[in-house]
Amino acid sequence: MFKGDCAACHLYRPWENSAATLRRACAICHEANPRASMVPDLHHLTDAAGKPLPTNEEFWRATITAGKEGTLMPP
């Protein structure tokens, strides 16, 4: 998704903290207005049944590191 000059800021720049990470690498898609229907709202994640999806540091680390297979979410 991020290639060339865009990758330099969104992927390869050292991240100071999680808030900066969210703004620089996640919000560009997940907080866009309007946001594409296939892009989830990270503040209101739900499971397949529509119930709130519990998250923790391990969940976010795994998702960011491995990406989401079958989606546009890159590792």
PDB file of N, CA and C in Angstrom:
ATOM      1  N   MET A   1       0.808  -1.189   0.000  1.00  0.00           N
ATOM      2  CA  MET A   1       0.000   0.000   0.000  1.00  0.00           C
ATOM      3  C   MET A   1       0.857   1.262   0.000  1.00  0.00           C
ATOM      4  N   PHE A   2       1.825   1.348   0.921  1.00  0.00           N
ATOM      5  CA  PHE A   2       2.690   2.517   0.975  1.00  0.00           C
ATOM      6  C   PHE A   2       3.972   2.201   0.224  1.00  0.00           C
ATOM      7  N   LYS A   3       4.226   2.955  -0.825  1.00  0.00           N
ATOM      8  CA  LYS A   3       5.409   2.715  -1.644  1.00  0.00           C
ATOM      9  C   LYS A   3       6.138   4.020  -1.879  1.00  0.00           C
ATOM     10  N   GLY A   4       7.417   3.923  -2.242  1.00  0.00           N
ATOM     11  CA  GLY A   4       8.202   5.100  -2.593  1.00  0.00           C
ATOM     12  C   GLY A   4       8.272   6.106  -1.465  1.00  0.00           C
ATOM     13  N   ASP A   5       8.049   7.377  -1.796  1.00  0.00           N
ATOM     14  CA  ASP A   5       8.141   8.449  -0.810  1.00  0.00           C
ATOM     15  C   ASP A   5       7.131   8.291   0.325  1.00  0.00           C
ATOM     16  N   CYS A   6       5.972   7.737   0.051  1.00  0.00           N
ATOM     17  CA  CYS A   6       4.956   7.573   1.097  1.00  0.00           C
ATOM     18  C   CYS A   6       5.437   6.594   2.170  1.00  0.00           C
ATOM     19  N   ALA A   7       6.086   5.522   1.772  1.00  0.00           N
ATOM     20  CA  ALA A   7       6.586   4.539   2.729  1.00  0.00           C
ATOM     21  C   ALA A   7       7.621   5.142   3.662  1.00  0.00           C
ATOM     22  N   ALA A   8       8.389   6.110   3.179  1.00  0.00           N
ATOM     23  CA  ALA A   8       9.432   6.718   4.000  1.00  0.00           C
ATOM     24  C   ALA A   8       8.857   7.308   5.282  1.00  0.00           C
ATOM     25  N   CYS A   9       7.689   7.912   5.215  1.00  0.00           N
ATOM     26  CA  CYS A   9       7.083   8.502   6.418  1.00  0.00           C
ATOM     27  C   CYS A   9       6.169   7.534   7.146  1.00  0.00           C
ATOM     28  N   HIS A  10       5.362   6.793   6.394  1.00  0.00           N
ATOM     29  CA  HIS A  10       4.337   5.972   7.019  1.00  0.00           C
ATOM     30  C   HIS A  10       4.860   4.645   7.553  1.00  0.00           C
ATOM     31  N   LEU A  11       5.904   4.110   6.991  1.00  0.00           N
ATOM     32  CA  LEU A  11       6.355   2.787   7.407  1.00  0.00           C
ATOM     33  C   LEU A  11       7.745   2.755   8.021  1.00  0.00           C
ATOM     34  N   TYR A  12       8.662   3.518   7.508  1.00  0.00           N
ATOM     35  CA  TYR A  12      10.055   3.353   7.906  1.00  0.00           C
ATOM     36  C   TYR A  12      10.541   4.369   8.931  1.00  0.00           C
ATOM     37  N   ARG A  13       9.739   5.379   9.204  1.00  0.00           N
ATOM     38  CA  ARG A  13      10.149   6.401  10.167  1.00  0.00           C
ATOM     39  C   ARG A  13      10.055   5.838  11.592  1.00  0.00           C
ATOM     40  N   PRO A  14      11.038   6.073  12.419  1.00  0.00           N
ATOM     41  CA  PRO A  14      10.949   5.591  13.805  1.00  0.00           C
ATOM     42  C   PRO A  14       9.753   6.220  14.505  1.00  0.00           C
ATOM     43  N   TRP A  15       9.033   5.425  15.272  1.00  0.00           N
ATOM     44  CA  TRP A  15       7.836   5.908  15.948  1.00  0.00           C
ATOM     45  C   TRP A  15       8.135   6.171  17.410  1.00  0.00           C
ATOM     46  N   GLU A  16       7.787   7.379  17.844  1.00  0.00           N
ATOM     47  CA  GLU A  16       8.081   7.795  19.209  1.00  0.00           C
ATOM     48  C   GLU A  16       7.119   7.169  20.208  1.00  0.00           C
ATOM     49  N   ASN A  17       5.852   7.081  19.874  1.00  0.00           N
ATOM     50  CA  ASN A  17       4.853   6.532  20.789  1.00  0.00           C
ATOM     51  C   ASN A  17       3.641   6.054  20.001  1.00  0.00           C
ATOM     52  N   SER A  18       2.721   5.395  20.679  1.00  0.00           N
ATOM     53  CA  SER A  18       1.584   4.814  19.974  1.00  0.00           C
ATOM     54  C   SER A  18       0.662   5.867  19.373  1.00  0.00           C
ATOM     55  N   ALA A  19       0.507   7.030  19.996  1.00  0.00           N
ATOM     56  CA  ALA A  19      -0.342   8.087  19.429  1.00  0.00           C
ATOM     57  C   ALA A  19       0.246   8.589  18.115  1.00  0.00           C
ATOM     58  N   ALA A  20       1.565   8.758  18.073  1.00  0.00           N
ATOM     59  CA  ALA A  20       2.211   9.190  16.828  1.00  0.00           C
ATOM     60  C   ALA A  20       2.078   8.110  15.767  1.00  0.00           C
ATOM     61  N   THR A  21       2.196   6.857  16.166  1.00  0.00           N
ATOM     62  CA  THR A  21       2.041   5.739  15.235  1.00  0.00           C
ATOM     63  C   THR A  21       0.647   5.753  14.627  1.00  0.00           C
ATOM     64  N   LEU A  22      -0.360   5.905  15.463  1.00  0.00           N
ATOM     65  CA  LEU A  22      -1.736   5.928  14.970  1.00  0.00           C
ATOM     66  C   LEU A  22      -1.932   7.052  13.958  1.00  0.00           C
ATOM     67  N   ARG A  23      -1.474   8.251  14.277  1.00  0.00           N
ATOM     68  CA  ARG A  23      -1.646   9.381  13.354  1.00  0.00           C
ATOM     69  C   ARG A  23      -0.908   9.159  12.045  1.00  0.00           C
ATOM     70  N   ARG A  24       0.314   8.665  12.120  1.00  0.00           N
ATOM     71  CA  ARG A  24       1.166   8.583  10.941  1.00  0.00           C
ATOM     72  C   ARG A  24       0.855   7.376  10.062  1.00  0.00           C
ATOM     73  N   ALA A  25       0.567   6.236  10.661  1.00  0.00           N
ATOM     74  CA  ALA A  25       0.469   5.020   9.866  1.00  0.00           C
ATOM     75  C   ALA A  25      -0.923   4.411   9.799  1.00  0.00           C
ATOM     76  N   CYS A  26      -1.776   4.678  10.765  1.00  0.00           N
ATOM     77  CA  CYS A  26      -3.082   4.017  10.802  1.00  0.00           C
ATOM     78  C   CYS A  26      -4.230   4.950  10.416  1.00  0.00           C
ATOM     79  N   ALA A  27      -4.200   6.162  10.969  1.00  0.00           N
ATOM     80  CA  ALA A  27      -5.316   7.081  10.779  1.00  0.00           C
ATOM     81  C   ALA A  27      -5.521   7.472   9.327  1.00  0.00           C
ATOM     82  N   ILE A  28      -4.463   7.425   8.538  1.00  0.00           N
ATOM     83  CA  ILE A  28      -4.590   7.819   7.136  1.00  0.00           C
ATOM     84  C   ILE A  28      -5.694   7.017   6.434  1.00  0.00           C
ATOM     85  N   CYS A  29      -5.892   5.773   6.833  1.00  0.00           N
ATOM     86  CA  CYS A  29      -6.979   4.959   6.272  1.00  0.00           C
ATOM     87  C   CYS A  29      -8.126   4.792   7.270  1.00  0.00           C
ATOM     88  N   HIS A  30      -7.778   4.444   8.521  1.00  0.00           N
ATOM     89  CA  HIS A  30      -8.796   4.058   9.496  1.00  0.00           C
ATOM     90  C   HIS A  30      -9.572   5.226  10.083  1.00  0.00           C
ATOM     91  N   GLU A  31      -9.088   6.459   9.928  1.00  0.00           N
ATOM     92  CA  GLU A  31      -9.827   7.621  10.415  1.00  0.00           C
ATOM     93  C   GLU A  31     -10.129   8.607   9.292  1.00  0.00           C
ATOM     94  N   ALA A  32     -10.024   8.142   8.061  1.00  0.00           N
ATOM     95  CA  ALA A  32     -10.333   8.995   6.915  1.00  0.00           C
ATOM     96  C   ALA A  32     -11.816   9.355   6.929  1.00  0.00           C
ATOM     97  N   ASN A  33     -12.122  10.526   6.394  1.00  0.00           N
ATOM     98  CA  ASN A  33     -13.507  10.946   6.300  1.00  0.00           C
ATOM     99  C   ASN A  33     -13.762  11.433   4.884  1.00  0.00           C
ATOM    100  N   PRO A  34     -14.462  10.675   4.073  1.00  0.00           N
ATOM    101  CA  PRO A  34     -15.122   9.417   4.408  1.00  0.00           C
ATOM    102  C   PRO A  34     -14.132   8.254   4.425  1.00  0.00           C
ATOM    103  N   ARG A  35     -14.453   7.238   5.200  1.00  0.00           N
ATOM    104  CA  ARG A  35     -13.630   6.024   5.303  1.00  0.00           C
ATOM    105  C   ARG A  35     -14.253   4.950   4.418  1.00  0.00           C
ATOM    106  N   ALA A  36     -13.439   4.252   3.660  1.00  0.00           N
ATOM    107  CA  ALA A  36     -13.943   3.182   2.789  1.00  0.00           C
ATOM    108  C   ALA A  36     -14.656   2.128   3.639  1.00  0.00           C
ATOM    109  N   SER A  37     -15.721   1.571   3.127  1.00  0.00           N
ATOM    110  CA  SER A  37     -16.525   0.610   3.898  1.00  0.00           C
ATOM    111  C   SER A  37     -15.738  -0.640   4.285  1.00  0.00           C
ATOM    112  N   MET A  38     -14.692  -0.982   3.533  1.00  0.00           N
ATOM    113  CA  MET A  38     -13.911  -2.178   3.860  1.00  0.00           C
ATOM    114  C   MET A  38     -12.838  -1.897   4.916  1.00  0.00           C
ATOM    115  N   VAL A  39     -12.713  -0.646   5.348  1.00  0.00           N
ATOM    116  CA  VAL A  39     -11.704  -0.256   6.335  1.00  0.00           C
ATOM    117  C   VAL A  39     -12.390  -0.075   7.691  1.00  0.00           C
ATOM    118  N   PRO A  40     -12.053  -0.906   8.681  1.00  0.00           N
ATOM    119  CA  PRO A  40     -12.743  -0.817   9.966  1.00  0.00           C
ATOM    120  C   PRO A  40     -12.366   0.415  10.786  1.00  0.00           C
ATOM    121  N   ASP A  41     -13.299   0.839  11.616  1.00  0.00           N
ATOM    122  CA  ASP A  41     -13.063   1.893  12.594  1.00  0.00           C
ATOM    123  C   ASP A  41     -12.331   1.232  13.760  1.00  0.00           C
ATOM    124  N   LEU A  42     -11.080   1.568  13.975  1.00  0.00           N
ATOM    125  CA  LEU A  42     -10.279   0.909  15.001  1.00  0.00           C
ATOM    126  C   LEU A  42     -10.767   1.195  16.414  1.00  0.00           C
ATOM    127  N   HIS A  43     -11.574   2.228  16.583  1.00  0.00           N
ATOM    128  CA  HIS A  43     -12.101   2.561  17.904  1.00  0.00           C
ATOM    129  C   HIS A  43     -13.350   1.760  18.244  1.00  0.00           C
ATOM    130  N   HIS A  44     -13.947   1.098  17.250  1.00  0.00           N
ATOM    131  CA  HIS A  44     -15.176   0.342  17.458  1.00  0.00           C
ATOM    132  C   HIS A  44     -15.117  -0.990  16.705  1.00  0.00           C
ATOM    133  N   LEU A  45     -14.117  -1.799  16.985  1.00  0.00           N
ATOM    134  CA  LEU A  45     -13.975  -3.092  16.314  1.00  0.00           C
ATOM    135  C   LEU A  45     -15.025  -4.077  16.821  1.00  0.00           C
ATOM    136  N   THR A  46     -15.557  -4.872  15.893  1.00  0.00           N
ATOM    137  CA  THR A  46     -16.527  -5.901  16.271  1.00  0.00           C
ATOM    138  C   THR A  46     -16.138  -7.229  15.639  1.00  0.00           C
ATOM    139  N   ASP A  47     -16.639  -8.322  16.235  1.00  0.00           N
ATOM    140  CA  ASP A  47     -16.382  -9.640  15.672  1.00  0.00           C
ATOM    141  C   ASP A  47     -17.422  -9.929  14.592  1.00  0.00           C
ATOM    142  N   ALA A  48     -17.413 -11.138  14.045  1.00  0.00           N
ATOM    143  CA  ALA A  48     -18.324 -11.499  12.956  1.00  0.00           C
ATOM    144  C   ALA A  48     -19.790 -11.413  13.383  1.00  0.00           C
ATOM    145  N   ALA A  49     -20.062 -11.555  14.684  1.00  0.00           N
ATOM    146  CA  ALA A  49     -21.436 -11.487  15.186  1.00  0.00           C
ATOM    147  C   ALA A  49     -21.853 -10.058  15.530  1.00  0.00           C
ATOM    148  N   GLY A  50     -20.927  -9.096  15.352  1.00  0.00           N
ATOM    149  CA  GLY A  50     -21.244  -7.712  15.648  1.00  0.00           C
ATOM    150  C   GLY A  50     -21.005  -7.316  17.100  1.00  0.00           C
ATOM    151  N   LYS A  51     -20.419  -8.225  17.890  1.00  0.00           N
ATOM    152  CA  LYS A  51     -20.119  -7.919  19.291  1.00  0.00           C
ATOM    153  C   LYS A  51     -18.773  -7.208  19.376  1.00  0.00           C
ATOM    154  N   PRO A  52     -18.610  -6.328  20.368  1.00  0.00           N
ATOM    155  CA  PRO A  52     -17.320  -5.641  20.521  1.00  0.00           C
ATOM    156  C   PRO A  52     -16.165  -6.638  20.608  1.00  0.00           C
ATOM    157  N   LEU A  53     -15.113  -6.357  19.882  1.00  0.00           N
ATOM    158  CA  LEU A  53     -13.940  -7.230  19.844  1.00  0.00           C
ATOM    159  C   LEU A  53     -12.946  -6.774  20.905  1.00  0.00           C
ATOM    160  N   PRO A  54     -12.659  -7.635  21.877  1.00  0.00           N
ATOM    161  CA  PRO A  54     -11.685  -7.231  22.894  1.00  0.00           C
ATOM    162  C   PRO A  54     -10.288  -7.143  22.287  1.00  0.00           C
ATOM    163  N   THR A  55      -9.571  -6.118  22.668  1.00  0.00           N
ATOM    164  CA  THR A  55      -8.214  -5.939  22.168  1.00  0.00           C
ATOM    165  C   THR A  55      -7.274  -5.678  23.347  1.00  0.00           C
ATOM    166  N   ASN A  56      -6.018  -5.955  23.113  1.00  0.00           N
ATOM    167  CA  ASN A  56      -4.979  -5.653  24.094  1.00  0.00           C
ATOM    168  C   ASN A  56      -3.684  -5.440  23.315  1.00  0.00           C
ATOM    169  N   GLU A  57      -2.607  -5.214  24.019  1.00  0.00           N
ATOM    170  CA  GLU A  57      -1.336  -4.952  23.339  1.00  0.00           C
ATOM    171  C   GLU A  57      -0.945  -6.108  22.417  1.00  0.00           C
ATOM    172  N   GLU A  58      -1.160  -7.332  22.868  1.00  0.00           N
ATOM    173  CA  GLU A  58      -0.814  -8.503  22.048  1.00  0.00           C
ATOM    174  C   GLU A  58      -1.622  -8.526  20.745  1.00  0.00           C
ATOM    175  N   PHE A  59      -2.916  -8.210  20.833  1.00  0.00           N
ATOM    176  CA  PHE A  59      -3.777  -8.161  19.647  1.00  0.00           C
ATOM    177  C   PHE A  59      -3.226  -7.166  18.628  1.00  0.00           C
ATOM    178  N   TRP A  60      -2.918  -5.940  19.099  1.00  0.00           N
ATOM    179  CA  TRP A  60      -2.441  -4.894  18.182  1.00  0.00           C
ATOM    180  C   TRP A  60      -1.074  -5.235  17.612  1.00  0.00           C
ATOM    181  N   ARG A  61      -0.187  -5.756  18.449  1.00  0.00           N
ATOM    182  CA  ARG A  61       1.152  -6.118  17.976  1.00  0.00           C
ATOM    183  C   ARG A  61       1.074  -7.193  16.890  1.00  0.00           C
ATOM    184  N   ALA A  62       0.250  -8.215  17.096  1.00  0.00           N
ATOM    185  CA  ALA A  62       0.095  -9.291  16.114  1.00  0.00           C
ATOM    186  C   ALA A  62      -0.523  -8.765  14.824  1.00  0.00           C
ATOM    187  N   THR A  63      -1.547  -7.928  14.935  1.00  0.00           N
ATOM    188  CA  THR A  63      -2.215  -7.388  13.749  1.00  0.00           C
ATOM    189  C   THR A  63      -1.272  -6.518  12.929  1.00  0.00           C
ATOM    190  N   ILE A  64      -0.542  -5.653  13.612  1.00  0.00           N
ATOM    191  CA  ILE A  64       0.369  -4.747  12.909  1.00  0.00           C
ATOM    192  C   ILE A  64       1.547  -5.506  12.308  1.00  0.00           C
ATOM    193  N   THR A  65       2.056  -6.496  13.038  1.00  0.00           N
ATOM    194  CA  THR A  65       3.218  -7.257  12.575  1.00  0.00           C
ATOM    195  C   THR A  65       2.875  -8.196  11.418  1.00  0.00           C
ATOM    196  N   ALA A  66       1.750  -8.892  11.523  1.00  0.00           N
ATOM    197  CA  ALA A  66       1.394  -9.900  10.526  1.00  0.00           C
ATOM    198  C   ALA A  66       0.415  -9.398   9.472  1.00  0.00           C
ATOM    199  N   GLY A  67      -0.238  -8.274   9.720  1.00  0.00           N
ATOM    200  CA  GLY A  67      -1.267  -7.818   8.802  1.00  0.00           C
ATOM    201  C   GLY A  67      -2.523  -8.657   8.958  1.00  0.00           C
ATOM    202  N   LYS A  68      -3.465  -8.490   8.056  1.00  0.00           N
ATOM    203  CA  LYS A  68      -4.709  -9.256   8.083  1.00  0.00           C
ATOM    204  C   LYS A  68      -4.855  -9.966   6.748  1.00  0.00           C
ATOM    205  N   GLU A  69      -4.660 -11.270   6.760  1.00  0.00           N
ATOM    206  CA  GLU A  69      -4.730 -12.061   5.540  1.00  0.00           C
ATOM    207  C   GLU A  69      -6.106 -11.903   4.879  1.00  0.00           C
ATOM    208  N   GLY A  70      -6.096 -11.773   3.561  1.00  0.00           N
ATOM    209  CA  GLY A  70      -7.329 -11.630   2.802  1.00  0.00           C
ATOM    210  C   GLY A  70      -7.901 -10.227   2.810  1.00  0.00           C
ATOM    211  N   THR A  71      -7.133  -9.249   3.337  1.00  0.00           N
ATOM    212  CA  THR A  71      -7.577  -7.861   3.360  1.00  0.00           C
ATOM    213  C   THR A  71      -6.485  -6.964   2.769  1.00  0.00           C
ATOM    214  N   LEU A  72      -6.730  -5.665   2.753  1.00  0.00           N
ATOM    215  CA  LEU A  72      -5.743  -4.706   2.273  1.00  0.00           C
ATOM    216  C   LEU A  72      -4.751  -4.316   3.360  1.00  0.00           C
ATOM    217  N   MET A  73      -4.907  -4.859   4.590  1.00  0.00           N
ATOM    218  CA  MET A  73      -4.046  -4.504   5.711  1.00  0.00           C
ATOM    219  C   MET A  73      -2.698  -5.180   5.583  1.00  0.00           C
ATOM    220  N   PRO A  74      -1.640  -4.380   5.306  1.00  0.00           N
ATOM    221  CA  PRO A  74      -0.303  -4.975   5.151  1.00  0.00           C
ATOM    222  C   PRO A  74       0.377  -5.172   6.505  1.00  0.00           C
ATOM    223  N   PRO A  75       1.341  -6.082   6.564  1.00  0.00           N
ATOM    224  CA  PRO A  75       2.124  -6.208   7.804  1.00  0.00           C
ATOM    225  C   PRO A  75       3.045  -5.007   7.986  1.00  0.00           C
TER     226      PRO A  75
END
